[in-house]
Structures are given as C-alpha cells and as structure tokens.
Amino acid sequence: MMMAVAQDHATSRGLFFNMSAGAADFKRRRGAVAAIEYNAVYAGHLALRRRMAIRVMEAVLAWVGIPLLRRFEL
C-alpha cells in the first residue's frame, strides 16, 4: 500500500519513481538474473561545457559504476 501511495505522489507531481532500488537480493532469491539498465541522453543541442560534463559522467560510470554493478550482481 505504501508503494502505491508513493507512486501516486510521484505521478501527480510529474516525478520519476524507481521502485526496484534495493531489491536485488529479493529478486535474486526468486530466480531473477541481474541486467545492467542503460539510459540514453541526447546532448547535441547543449553547450560544449555541458556536453563535456555528460561525457565525464559517462566515462566514470563506464569505468567504475558498471564494473561495480557486475561485481556485486546488482
């Protein structure tokens, strides 16, 4: 019931609500297989400085974030 209330709250305010955070162990015990989720960002219209910031984030996530997710099967 609490998740439904939280989802309604987010939806009514136009917010994103990720209900799977912290559920890796719960899902794994029920036979789920870990899969990396990706997001796409179009940044071609942004100023160079902002595009570079996005590239830096992309590199950090690729070199650090994804290996950590794989290592801990998240």
PDB file of N, CA and C in Angstrom:
ATOM      1  N   MET A   1       0.825  -1.185   0.000  1.00  0.00           N
ATOM      2  CA  MET A   1       0.000   0.000   0.000  1.00  0.00           C
ATOM      3  C   MET A   1       0.880   1.264   0.000  1.00  0.00           C
ATOM      4  N   MET A   2       1.963   1.219   0.758  1.00  0.00           N
ATOM      5  CA  MET A   2       2.859   2.383   0.815  1.00  0.00           C
ATOM      6  C   MET A   2       3.476   2.664  -0.550  1.00  0.00           C
ATOM      7  N   MET A   3       3.835   1.626  -1.293  1.00  0.00           N
ATOM      8  CA  MET A   3       4.408   1.823  -2.625  1.00  0.00           C
ATOM      9  C   MET A   3       3.383   2.473  -3.557  1.00  0.00           C
ATOM     10  N   ALA A   4       2.120   2.085  -3.447  1.00  0.00           N
ATOM     11  CA  ALA A   4       1.078   2.679  -4.290  1.00  0.00           C
ATOM     12  C   ALA A   4       0.902   4.154  -3.956  1.00  0.00           C
ATOM     13  N   VAL A   5       0.946   4.497  -2.678  1.00  0.00           N
ATOM     14  CA  VAL A   5       0.824   5.898  -2.272  1.00  0.00           C
ATOM     15  C   VAL A   5       2.013   6.700  -2.797  1.00  0.00           C
ATOM     16  N   ALA A   6       3.220   6.139  -2.668  1.00  0.00           N
ATOM     17  CA  ALA A   6       4.423   6.828  -3.145  1.00  0.00           C
ATOM     18  C   ALA A   6       4.376   7.013  -4.657  1.00  0.00           C
ATOM     19  N   GLN A   7       3.922   6.002  -5.389  1.00  0.00           N
ATOM     20  CA  GLN A   7       3.799   6.105  -6.847  1.00  0.00           C
ATOM     21  C   GLN A   7       2.795   7.177  -7.229  1.00  0.00           C
ATOM     22  N   ASP A   8       1.660   7.205  -6.561  1.00  0.00           N
ATOM     23  CA  ASP A   8       0.652   8.243  -6.838  1.00  0.00           C
ATOM     24  C   ASP A   8       1.209   9.638  -6.570  1.00  0.00           C
ATOM     25  N   HIS A   9       1.959   9.772  -5.494  1.00  0.00           N
ATOM     26  CA  HIS A   9       2.577  11.056  -5.142  1.00  0.00           C
ATOM     27  C   HIS A   9       3.514  11.515  -6.260  1.00  0.00           C
ATOM     28  N   ALA A  10       4.384  10.601  -6.717  1.00  0.00           N
ATOM     29  CA  ALA A  10       5.338  10.931  -7.777  1.00  0.00           C
ATOM     30  C   ALA A  10       4.613  11.260  -9.083  1.00  0.00           C
ATOM     31  N   THR A  11       3.638  10.461  -9.432  1.00  0.00           N
ATOM     32  CA  THR A  11       2.905  10.662 -10.689  1.00  0.00           C
ATOM     33  C   THR A  11       2.174  11.998 -10.695  1.00  0.00           C
ATOM     34  N   SER A  12       1.546  12.332  -9.603  1.00  0.00           N
ATOM     35  CA  SER A  12       0.788  13.585  -9.550  1.00  0.00           C
ATOM     36  C   SER A  12       1.691  14.814  -9.656  1.00  0.00           C
ATOM     37  N   ARG A  13       2.975  14.643  -9.342  1.00  0.00           N
ATOM     38  CA  ARG A  13       3.919  15.756  -9.414  1.00  0.00           C
ATOM     39  C   ARG A  13       4.861  15.667 -10.617  1.00  0.00           C
ATOM     40  N   GLY A  14       4.612  14.690 -11.480  1.00  0.00           N
ATOM     41  CA  GLY A  14       5.434  14.534 -12.674  1.00  0.00           C
ATOM     42  C   GLY A  14       6.839  14.060 -12.370  1.00  0.00           C
ATOM     43  N   LEU A  15       7.005  13.299 -11.286  1.00  0.00           N
ATOM     44  CA  LEU A  15       8.321  12.819 -10.872  1.00  0.00           C
ATOM     45  C   LEU A  15       8.545  11.381 -11.303  1.00  0.00           C
ATOM     46  N   PHE A  16       9.809  10.999 -11.447  1.00  0.00           N
ATOM     47  CA  PHE A  16      10.185   9.620 -11.747  1.00  0.00           C
ATOM     48  C   PHE A  16      10.237   8.843 -10.441  1.00  0.00           C
ATOM     49  N   PHE A  17       9.716   7.635 -10.418  1.00  0.00           N
ATOM     50  CA  PHE A  17       9.700   6.819  -9.203  1.00  0.00           C
ATOM     51  C   PHE A  17      10.237   5.434  -9.528  1.00  0.00           C
ATOM     52  N   ASN A  18      11.431   5.107  -9.041  1.00  0.00           N
ATOM     53  CA  ASN A  18      12.070   3.820  -9.291  1.00  0.00           C
ATOM     54  C   ASN A  18      11.766   2.889  -8.125  1.00  0.00           C
ATOM     55  N   MET A  19      10.930   1.900  -8.373  1.00  0.00           N
ATOM     56  CA  MET A  19      10.512   1.012  -7.294  1.00  0.00           C
ATOM     57  C   MET A  19      11.426  -0.190  -7.110  1.00  0.00           C
ATOM     58  N   SER A  20      12.454  -0.331  -7.919  1.00  0.00           N
ATOM     59  CA  SER A  20      13.288  -1.526  -7.796  1.00  0.00           C
ATOM     60  C   SER A  20      14.579  -1.282  -7.018  1.00  0.00           C
ATOM     61  N   ALA A  21      14.848  -0.064  -6.595  1.00  0.00           N
ATOM     62  CA  ALA A  21      16.085   0.223  -5.866  1.00  0.00           C
ATOM     63  C   ALA A  21      16.145  -0.592  -4.577  1.00  0.00           C
ATOM     64  N   GLY A  22      17.279  -1.247  -4.360  1.00  0.00           N
ATOM     65  CA  GLY A  22      17.472  -2.023  -3.142  1.00  0.00           C
ATOM     66  C   GLY A  22      16.824  -3.387  -3.155  1.00  0.00           C
ATOM     67  N   ALA A  23      16.307  -3.821  -4.287  1.00  0.00           N
ATOM     68  CA  ALA A  23      15.579  -5.080  -4.343  1.00  0.00           C
ATOM     69  C   ALA A  23      16.388  -6.215  -4.962  1.00  0.00           C
ATOM     70  N   ALA A  24      17.676  -6.015  -5.185  1.00  0.00           N
ATOM     71  CA  ALA A  24      18.481  -7.029  -5.886  1.00  0.00           C
ATOM     72  C   ALA A  24      18.470  -8.373  -5.171  1.00  0.00           C
ATOM     73  N   ASP A  25      18.692  -8.379  -3.868  1.00  0.00           N
ATOM     74  CA  ASP A  25      18.721  -9.642  -3.123  1.00  0.00           C
ATOM     75  C   ASP A  25      17.357 -10.320  -3.150  1.00  0.00           C
ATOM     76  N   PHE A  26      16.314  -9.534  -2.966  1.00  0.00           N
ATOM     77  CA  PHE A  26      14.944 -10.057  -3.008  1.00  0.00           C
ATOM     78  C   PHE A  26      14.667 -10.730  -4.349  1.00  0.00           C
ATOM     79  N   LYS A  27      15.047 -10.065  -5.431  1.00  0.00           N
ATOM     80  CA  LYS A  27      14.810 -10.604  -6.765  1.00  0.00           C
ATOM     81  C   LYS A  27      15.681 -11.831  -7.037  1.00  0.00           C
ATOM     82  N   ARG A  28      16.943 -11.777  -6.625  1.00  0.00           N
ATOM     83  CA  ARG A  28      17.863 -12.884  -6.862  1.00  0.00           C
ATOM     84  C   ARG A  28      17.363 -14.159  -6.201  1.00  0.00           C
ATOM     85  N   ARG A  29      16.817 -14.037  -5.005  1.00  0.00           N
ATOM     86  CA  ARG A  29      16.302 -15.213  -4.277  1.00  0.00           C
ATOM     87  C   ARG A  29      15.111 -15.841  -4.981  1.00  0.00           C
ATOM     88  N   ARG A  30      14.495 -15.110  -5.861  1.00  0.00           N
ATOM     89  CA  ARG A  30      13.350 -15.627  -6.596  1.00  0.00           C
ATOM     90  C   ARG A  30      13.695 -15.992  -8.028  1.00  0.00           C
ATOM     91  N   GLY A  31      15.009 -16.091  -8.312  1.00  0.00           N
ATOM     92  CA  GLY A  31      15.454 -16.584  -9.608  1.00  0.00           C
ATOM     93  C   GLY A  31      15.747 -15.532 -10.667  1.00  0.00           C
ATOM     94  N   ALA A  32      15.693 -14.268 -10.311  1.00  0.00           N
ATOM     95  CA  ALA A  32      15.967 -13.221 -11.300  1.00  0.00           C
ATOM     96  C   ALA A  32      17.449 -13.198 -11.659  1.00  0.00           C
ATOM     97  N   VAL A  33      17.745 -12.748 -12.848  1.00  0.00           N
ATOM     98  CA  VAL A  33      19.118 -12.608 -13.323  1.00  0.00           C
ATOM     99  C   VAL A  33      19.417 -11.119 -13.470  1.00  0.00           C
ATOM    100  N   ALA A  34      20.555 -10.682 -12.941  1.00  0.00           N
ATOM    101  CA  ALA A  34      20.917  -9.264 -12.998  1.00  0.00           C
ATOM    102  C   ALA A  34      21.137  -8.812 -14.431  1.00  0.00           C
ATOM    103  N   ALA A  35      20.706  -7.590 -14.731  1.00  0.00           N
ATOM    104  CA  ALA A  35      20.911  -6.989 -16.050  1.00  0.00           C
ATOM    105  C   ALA A  35      21.174  -5.498 -15.855  1.00  0.00           C
ATOM    106  N   ILE A  36      22.192  -4.990 -16.532  1.00  0.00           N
ATOM    107  CA  ILE A  36      22.518  -3.573 -16.450  1.00  0.00           C
ATOM    108  C   ILE A  36      21.462  -2.781 -17.214  1.00  0.00           C
ATOM    109  N   GLU A  37      20.954  -1.717 -16.606  1.00  0.00           N
ATOM    110  CA  GLU A  37      20.000  -0.833 -17.267  1.00  0.00           C
ATOM    111  C   GLU A  37      20.755   0.384 -17.802  1.00  0.00           C
ATOM    112  N   TYR A  38      20.398   0.831 -18.984  1.00  0.00           N
ATOM    113  CA  TYR A  38      21.045   1.974 -19.608  1.00  0.00           C
ATOM    114  C   TYR A  38      20.032   3.066 -19.890  1.00  0.00           C
ATOM    115  N   ASN A  39      20.481   4.294 -19.896  1.00  0.00           N
ATOM    116  CA  ASN A  39      19.676   5.439 -20.291  1.00  0.00           C
ATOM    117  C   ASN A  39      20.383   6.137 -21.437  1.00  0.00           C
ATOM    118  N   ALA A  40      19.601   6.697 -22.336  1.00  0.00           N
ATOM    119  CA  ALA A  40      20.167   7.463 -23.452  1.00  0.00           C
ATOM    120  C   ALA A  40      19.908   8.944 -23.203  1.00  0.00           C
ATOM    121  N   VAL A  41      20.896   9.752 -23.517  1.00  0.00           N
ATOM    122  CA  VAL A  41      20.770  11.201 -23.356  1.00  0.00           C
ATOM    123  C   VAL A  41      21.194  11.867 -24.651  1.00  0.00           C
ATOM    124  N   TYR A  42      20.302  12.680 -25.214  1.00  0.00           N
ATOM    125  CA  TYR A  42      20.668  13.462 -26.392  1.00  0.00           C
ATOM    126  C   TYR A  42      21.206  14.795 -25.897  1.00  0.00           C
ATOM    127  N   ALA A  43      22.453  15.083 -26.216  1.00  0.00           N
ATOM    128  CA  ALA A  43      23.083  16.299 -25.710  1.00  0.00           C
ATOM    129  C   ALA A  43      23.619  17.181 -26.837  1.00  0.00           C
ATOM    130  N   GLY A  44      23.287  16.851 -28.063  1.00  0.00           N
ATOM    131  CA  GLY A  44      23.810  17.596 -29.193  1.00  0.00           C
ATOM    132  C   GLY A  44      23.432  19.071 -29.207  1.00  0.00           C
ATOM    133  N   HIS A  45      22.345  19.414 -28.576  1.00  0.00           N
ATOM    134  CA  HIS A  45      21.878  20.806 -28.563  1.00  0.00           C
ATOM    135  C   HIS A  45      22.473  21.617 -27.410  1.00  0.00           C
ATOM    136  N   LEU A  46      23.207  20.959 -26.520  1.00  0.00           N
ATOM    137  CA  LEU A  46      23.756  21.644 -25.347  1.00  0.00           C
ATOM    138  C   LEU A  46      25.086  22.322 -25.651  1.00  0.00           C
ATOM    139  N   ALA A  47      25.435  23.254 -24.796  1.00  0.00           N
ATOM    140  CA  ALA A  47      26.724  23.936 -24.915  1.00  0.00           C
ATOM    141  C   ALA A  47      27.853  22.931 -24.695  1.00  0.00           C
ATOM    142  N   LEU A  48      29.005  23.223 -25.252  1.00  0.00           N
ATOM    143  CA  LEU A  48      30.153  22.321 -25.157  1.00  0.00           C
ATOM    144  C   LEU A  48      30.456  21.927 -23.709  1.00  0.00           C
ATOM    145  N   ARG A  49      30.411  22.889 -22.821  1.00  0.00           N
ATOM    146  CA  ARG A  49      30.723  22.617 -21.409  1.00  0.00           C
ATOM    147  C   ARG A  49      29.786  21.555 -20.817  1.00  0.00           C
ATOM    148  N   ARG A  50      28.520  21.653 -21.122  1.00  0.00           N
ATOM    149  CA  ARG A  50      27.557  20.665 -20.607  1.00  0.00           C
ATOM    150  C   ARG A  50      27.735  19.309 -21.280  1.00  0.00           C
ATOM    151  N   ARG A  51      28.025  19.316 -22.567  1.00  0.00           N
ATOM    152  CA  ARG A  51      28.282  18.043 -23.258  1.00  0.00           C
ATOM    153  C   ARG A  51      29.502  17.347 -22.666  1.00  0.00           C
ATOM    154  N   MET A  52      30.531  18.132 -22.347  1.00  0.00           N
ATOM    155  CA  MET A  52      31.737  17.554 -21.750  1.00  0.00           C
ATOM    156  C   MET A  52      31.442  16.987 -20.364  1.00  0.00           C
ATOM    157  N   ALA A  53      30.601  17.665 -19.585  1.00  0.00           N
ATOM    158  CA  ALA A  53      30.224  17.155 -18.262  1.00  0.00           C
ATOM    159  C   ALA A  53      29.507  15.812 -18.389  1.00  0.00           C
ATOM    160  N   ILE A  54      28.641  15.702 -19.388  1.00  0.00           N
ATOM    161  CA  ILE A  54      27.943  14.438 -19.621  1.00  0.00           C
ATOM    162  C   ILE A  54      28.930  13.355 -20.030  1.00  0.00           C
ATOM    163  N   ARG A  55      29.903  13.687 -20.857  1.00  0.00           N
ATOM    164  CA  ARG A  55      30.937  12.720 -21.274  1.00  0.00           C
ATOM    165  C   ARG A  55      31.760  12.240 -20.085  1.00  0.00           C
ATOM    166  N   VAL A  56      32.082  13.157 -19.173  1.00  0.00           N
ATOM    167  CA  VAL A  56      32.843  12.775 -17.972  1.00  0.00           C
ATOM    168  C   VAL A  56      32.008  11.804 -17.128  1.00  0.00           C
ATOM    169  N   MET A  57      30.734  12.108 -16.936  1.00  0.00           N
ATOM    170  CA  MET A  57      29.865  11.203 -16.184  1.00  0.00           C
ATOM    171  C   MET A  57      29.782   9.840 -16.860  1.00  0.00           C
ATOM    172  N   GLU A  58      29.669   9.858 -18.178  1.00  0.00           N
ATOM    173  CA  GLU A  58      29.602   8.610 -18.939  1.00  0.00           C
ATOM    174  C   GLU A  58      30.858   7.770 -18.706  1.00  0.00           C
ATOM    175  N   ALA A  59      32.017   8.405 -18.752  1.00  0.00           N
ATOM    176  CA  ALA A  59      33.284   7.690 -18.562  1.00  0.00           C
ATOM    177  C   ALA A  59      33.396   7.119 -17.151  1.00  0.00           C
ATOM    178  N   VAL A  60      33.042   7.911 -16.161  1.00  0.00           N
ATOM    179  CA  VAL A  60      33.125   7.438 -14.769  1.00  0.00           C
ATOM    180  C   VAL A  60      32.187   6.256 -14.558  1.00  0.00           C
ATOM    181  N   LEU A  61      30.984   6.353 -15.071  1.00  0.00           N
ATOM    182  CA  LEU A  61      30.034   5.248 -14.919  1.00  0.00           C
ATOM    183  C   LEU A  61      30.504   3.998 -15.658  1.00  0.00           C
ATOM    184  N   ALA A  62      31.092   4.177 -16.833  1.00  0.00           N
ATOM    185  CA  ALA A  62      31.572   3.029 -17.606  1.00  0.00           C
ATOM    186  C   ALA A  62      32.769   2.362 -16.941  1.00  0.00           C
ATOM    187  N   TRP A  63      33.683   3.162 -16.387  1.00  0.00           N
ATOM    188  CA  TRP A  63      34.909   2.613 -15.812  1.00  0.00           C
ATOM    189  C   TRP A  63      34.757   2.160 -14.367  1.00  0.00           C
ATOM    190  N   VAL A  64      33.833   2.777 -13.643  1.00  0.00           N
ATOM    191  CA  VAL A  64      33.682   2.458 -12.218  1.00  0.00           C
ATOM    192  C   VAL A  64      32.318   1.847 -11.924  1.00  0.00           C
ATOM    193  N   GLY A  65      31.264   2.519 -12.345  1.00  0.00           N
ATOM    194  CA  GLY A  65      29.916   2.100 -11.993  1.00  0.00           C
ATOM    195  C   GLY A  65      29.529   0.729 -12.512  1.00  0.00           C
ATOM    196  N   ILE A  66      29.693   0.505 -13.793  1.00  0.00           N
ATOM    197  CA  ILE A  66      29.285  -0.773 -14.382  1.00  0.00           C
ATOM    198  C   ILE A  66      30.093  -1.944 -13.823  1.00  0.00           C
ATOM    199  N   PRO A  67      31.425  -1.826 -13.699  1.00  0.00           N
ATOM    200  CA  PRO A  67      32.159  -2.933 -13.076  1.00  0.00           C
ATOM    201  C   PRO A  67      31.699  -3.235 -11.641  1.00  0.00           C
ATOM    202  N   LEU A  68      31.352  -2.207 -10.883  1.00  0.00           N
ATOM    203  CA  LEU A  68      30.856  -2.447  -9.525  1.00  0.00           C
ATOM    204  C   LEU A  68      29.495  -3.154  -9.542  1.00  0.00           C
ATOM    205  N   LEU A  69      28.626  -2.722 -10.434  1.00  0.00           N
ATOM    206  CA  LEU A  69      27.319  -3.396 -10.546  1.00  0.00           C
ATOM    207  C   LEU A  69      27.498  -4.863 -10.912  1.00  0.00           C
ATOM    208  N   ARG A  70      28.407  -5.133 -11.841  1.00  0.00           N
ATOM    209  CA  ARG A  70      28.648  -6.524 -12.235  1.00  0.00           C
ATOM    210  C   ARG A  70      29.272  -7.333 -11.100  1.00  0.00           C
ATOM    211  N   ARG A  71      30.218  -6.730 -10.407  1.00  0.00           N
ATOM    212  CA  ARG A  71      30.914  -7.433  -9.326  1.00  0.00           C
ATOM    213  C   ARG A  71      29.945  -7.861  -8.218  1.00  0.00           C
ATOM    214  N   PHE A  72      29.037  -6.952  -7.856  1.00  0.00           N
ATOM    215  CA  PHE A  72      28.099  -7.250  -6.781  1.00  0.00           C
ATOM    216  C   PHE A  72      26.751  -7.769  -7.285  1.00  0.00           C
ATOM    217  N   GLU A  73      26.700  -8.071  -8.575  1.00  0.00           N
ATOM    218  CA  GLU A  73      25.492  -8.627  -9.210  1.00  0.00           C
ATOM    219  C   GLU A  73      24.258  -7.796  -8.895  1.00  0.00           C
ATOM    220  N   LEU A  74      24.401  -6.503  -9.072  1.00  0.00           N
ATOM    221  CA  LEU A  74      23.275  -5.609  -8.853  1.00  0.00           C
ATOM    222  C   LEU A  74      22.693  -5.302 -10.200  1.00  0.00           C
TER     223      LEU A  74
END
